[in-house]
């Protein structure tokens, strides 16, 4: 089983001024294991198909992760931000199922996890 170390992006809407919200993610580092590692190419109506990974990563979760697993949006893995499609709670771990490449707002401008 391969080991994992990377950051997970959480999105918490924050009210900047009355009626104005910011959805900028905050990233937190985690350790864990890669449970499964495979990809799926989806042919669509575009020129190049979408790459989807259906990998499962098990992280050792802290209290913050257990309290905010609903706000997890992406995970840094293999140098790419991947969508978190599903989170399964199995204390003391969270099992994350990944999907396609994450294209939403990012926590920072760097390309490093």
C-alpha atoms as a PDB file:
ATOM      1  CA  UNK A   1       0.000   0.000   0.000  1.00  0.00           C
ATOM      2  CA  UNK A   2       1.417   3.384  -1.011  1.00  0.00           C
ATOM      3  CA  UNK A   3       1.734   6.195   1.511  1.00  0.00           C
ATOM      4  CA  UNK A   4       0.119   9.612   1.091  1.00  0.00           C
ATOM      5  CA  UNK A   5       1.083  13.063   2.286  1.00  0.00           C
ATOM      6  CA  UNK A   6      -0.670  16.105   0.892  1.00  0.00           C
ATOM      7  CA  UNK A   7      -3.012  18.994   1.482  1.00  0.00           C
ATOM      8  CA  UNK A   8      -6.788  19.001   1.473  1.00  0.00           C
ATOM      9  CA  UNK A   9      -8.703  22.142   0.523  1.00  0.00           C
ATOM     10  CA  UNK A  10     -11.738  23.032   2.644  1.00  0.00           C
ATOM     11  CA  UNK A  11     -14.245  25.642   1.479  1.00  0.00           C
ATOM     12  CA  UNK A  12     -16.021  27.569   4.218  1.00  0.00           C
ATOM     13  CA  UNK A  13     -18.068  30.562   3.047  1.00  0.00           C
ATOM     14  CA  UNK A  14     -16.882  33.598   5.016  1.00  0.00           C
ATOM     15  CA  UNK A  15     -18.870  36.812   5.207  1.00  0.00           C
ATOM     16  CA  UNK A  16     -16.538  39.703   4.338  1.00  0.00           C
ATOM     17  CA  UNK A  17     -19.165  42.421   4.611  1.00  0.00           C
ATOM     18  CA  UNK A  18     -22.925  42.061   5.074  1.00  0.00           C
ATOM     19  CA  UNK A  19     -24.185  40.072   2.087  1.00  0.00           C
ATOM     20  CA  UNK A  20     -20.714  39.540   0.532  1.00  0.00           C
ATOM     21  CA  UNK A  21     -19.199  36.073   0.924  1.00  0.00           C
ATOM     22  CA  UNK A  22     -15.810  34.635   0.016  1.00  0.00           C
ATOM     23  CA  UNK A  23     -15.334  30.953  -0.901  1.00  0.00           C
ATOM     24  CA  UNK A  24     -11.535  30.838  -0.942  1.00  0.00           C
ATOM     25  CA  UNK A  25     -10.362  27.399   0.254  1.00  0.00           C
ATOM     26  CA  UNK A  26      -7.984  26.847   3.138  1.00  0.00           C
ATOM     27  CA  UNK A  27      -5.546  23.933   2.897  1.00  0.00           C
ATOM     28  CA  UNK A  28      -4.479  21.608   5.705  1.00  0.00           C
ATOM     29  CA  UNK A  29      -1.845  18.812   5.470  1.00  0.00           C
ATOM     30  CA  UNK A  30      -2.641  15.139   6.164  1.00  0.00           C
ATOM     31  CA  UNK A  31      -0.922  11.759   6.184  1.00  0.00           C
ATOM     32  CA  UNK A  32      -2.512   8.545   5.007  1.00  0.00           C
ATOM     33  CA  UNK A  33      -2.535   5.608   2.608  1.00  0.00           C
ATOM     34  CA  UNK A  34      -3.535   5.174  -1.036  1.00  0.00           C
ATOM     35  CA  UNK A  35      -6.040   2.307  -0.971  1.00  0.00           C
ATOM     36  CA  UNK A  36      -6.709   2.057  -4.698  1.00  0.00           C
ATOM     37  CA  UNK A  37      -5.028   3.680  -7.671  1.00  0.00           C
ATOM     38  CA  UNK A  38      -6.665   3.675 -11.114  1.00  0.00           C
ATOM     39  CA  UNK A  39      -8.034   6.063 -13.723  1.00  0.00           C
ATOM     40  CA  UNK A  40     -10.996   6.224 -16.061  1.00  0.00           C
ATOM     41  CA  UNK A  41     -11.143   8.086 -19.380  1.00  0.00           C
ATOM     42  CA  UNK A  42     -14.594   9.497 -20.106  1.00  0.00           C
ATOM     43  CA  UNK A  43     -15.313  10.157 -23.765  1.00  0.00           C
ATOM     44  CA  UNK A  44     -17.610  13.100 -24.109  1.00  0.00           C
ATOM     45  CA  UNK A  45     -18.588  15.492 -26.818  1.00  0.00           C
ATOM     46  CA  UNK A  46     -15.309  17.363 -26.571  1.00  0.00           C
ATOM     47  CA  UNK A  47     -12.116  16.735 -28.513  1.00  0.00           C
ATOM     48  CA  UNK A  48     -10.217  15.330 -25.525  1.00  0.00           C
ATOM     49  CA  UNK A  49     -11.948  13.113 -22.994  1.00  0.00           C
ATOM     50  CA  UNK A  50     -12.012  13.912 -19.282  1.00  0.00           C
ATOM     51  CA  UNK A  51      -9.659  11.986 -17.023  1.00  0.00           C
ATOM     52  CA  UNK A  52     -11.273  10.775 -13.848  1.00  0.00           C
ATOM     53  CA  UNK A  53      -9.465   8.937 -11.099  1.00  0.00           C
ATOM     54  CA  UNK A  54     -11.521   6.733  -8.844  1.00  0.00           C
ATOM     55  CA  UNK A  55      -8.747   6.447  -6.295  1.00  0.00           C
ATOM     56  CA  UNK A  56      -9.425   5.981  -2.638  1.00  0.00           C
ATOM     57  CA  UNK A  57      -7.169   7.659  -0.102  1.00  0.00           C
ATOM     58  CA  UNK A  58      -7.441   6.992   3.609  1.00  0.00           C
ATOM     59  CA  UNK A  59      -6.256   9.875   5.796  1.00  0.00           C
ATOM     60  CA  UNK A  60      -5.562   9.925   9.513  1.00  0.00           C
ATOM     61  CA  UNK A  61      -8.127  12.517  10.508  1.00  0.00           C
ATOM     62  CA  UNK A  62      -7.981  15.063  13.287  1.00  0.00           C
ATOM     63  CA  UNK A  63     -10.922  16.649  15.109  1.00  0.00           C
ATOM     64  CA  UNK A  64     -11.127  19.439  12.515  1.00  0.00           C
ATOM     65  CA  UNK A  65     -11.410  16.934   9.648  1.00  0.00           C
ATOM     66  CA  UNK A  66     -14.186  14.993  11.405  1.00  0.00           C
ATOM     67  CA  UNK A  67     -16.107  18.185  12.170  1.00  0.00           C
ATOM     68  CA  UNK A  68     -15.701  19.647   8.656  1.00  0.00           C
ATOM     69  CA  UNK A  69     -15.540  16.675   6.267  1.00  0.00           C
ATOM     70  CA  UNK A  70     -18.584  18.105   4.457  1.00  0.00           C
ATOM     71  CA  UNK A  71     -16.471  21.126   3.412  1.00  0.00           C
ATOM     72  CA  UNK A  72     -13.655  19.113   1.759  1.00  0.00           C
ATOM     73  CA  UNK A  73     -13.475  20.111  -1.917  1.00  0.00           C
ATOM     74  CA  UNK A  74     -10.116  18.948  -3.278  1.00  0.00           C
ATOM     75  CA  UNK A  75      -6.966  17.059  -2.459  1.00  0.00           C
ATOM     76  CA  UNK A  76      -3.407  17.573  -3.719  1.00  0.00           C
ATOM     77  CA  UNK A  77      -2.183  14.261  -5.105  1.00  0.00           C
ATOM     78  CA  UNK A  78       0.520  13.523  -7.678  1.00  0.00           C
ATOM     79  CA  UNK A  79       0.970  17.271  -8.307  1.00  0.00           C
ATOM     80  CA  UNK A  80      -2.684  17.869  -9.267  1.00  0.00           C
ATOM     81  CA  UNK A  81      -5.729  19.092  -7.368  1.00  0.00           C
ATOM     82  CA  UNK A  82      -8.429  16.371  -7.572  1.00  0.00           C
ATOM     83  CA  UNK A  83     -12.096  16.729  -6.607  1.00  0.00           C
ATOM     84  CA  UNK A  84     -13.201  14.844  -3.535  1.00  0.00           C
ATOM     85  CA  UNK A  85     -16.349  13.042  -4.654  1.00  0.00           C
ATOM     86  CA  UNK A  86     -17.140  11.045  -1.519  1.00  0.00           C
ATOM     87  CA  UNK A  87     -16.034  10.970   2.117  1.00  0.00           C
ATOM     88  CA  UNK A  88     -16.614   7.910   4.284  1.00  0.00           C
ATOM     89  CA  UNK A  89     -16.157   8.217   8.047  1.00  0.00           C
ATOM     90  CA  UNK A  90     -14.317   5.244   9.578  1.00  0.00           C
ATOM     91  CA  UNK A  91     -12.790   6.519  12.789  1.00  0.00           C
ATOM     92  CA  UNK A  92      -9.918   7.291  13.238  1.00  0.00           C
ATOM     93  CA  UNK A  93      -9.741   7.718   9.454  1.00  0.00           C
ATOM     94  CA  UNK A  94     -11.641   9.320   6.612  1.00  0.00           C
ATOM     95  CA  UNK A  95     -11.792   7.441   3.299  1.00  0.00           C
ATOM     96  CA  UNK A  96     -11.775   9.908   0.373  1.00  0.00           C
ATOM     97  CA  UNK A  97     -12.903   8.897  -3.114  1.00  0.00           C
ATOM     98  CA  UNK A  98     -11.459  11.140  -5.812  1.00  0.00           C
ATOM     99  CA  UNK A  99     -13.028  12.254  -9.081  1.00  0.00           C
ATOM    100  CA  UNK A 100     -11.891  14.577 -11.851  1.00  0.00           C
ATOM    101  CA  UNK A 101      -9.465  17.470 -11.842  1.00  0.00           C
ATOM    102  CA  UNK A 102     -10.560  20.288  -9.534  1.00  0.00           C
ATOM    103  CA  UNK A 103     -11.115  23.557 -11.398  1.00  0.00           C
ATOM    104  CA  UNK A 104     -12.620  25.721  -8.662  1.00  0.00           C
ATOM    105  CA  UNK A 105     -11.091  28.467  -6.525  1.00  0.00           C
ATOM    106  CA  UNK A 106      -7.668  27.673  -5.093  1.00  0.00           C
ATOM    107  CA  UNK A 107      -6.092  28.461  -1.747  1.00  0.00           C
ATOM    108  CA  UNK A 108      -2.963  29.971  -3.233  1.00  0.00           C
ATOM    109  CA  UNK A 109      -1.195  30.809  -6.450  1.00  0.00           C
ATOM    110  CA  UNK A 110       1.536  28.204  -6.057  1.00  0.00           C
ATOM    111  CA  UNK A 111       1.492  24.884  -7.878  1.00  0.00           C
ATOM    112  CA  UNK A 112       3.117  23.016  -4.993  1.00  0.00           C
ATOM    113  CA  UNK A 113       1.199  21.041  -2.382  1.00  0.00           C
END
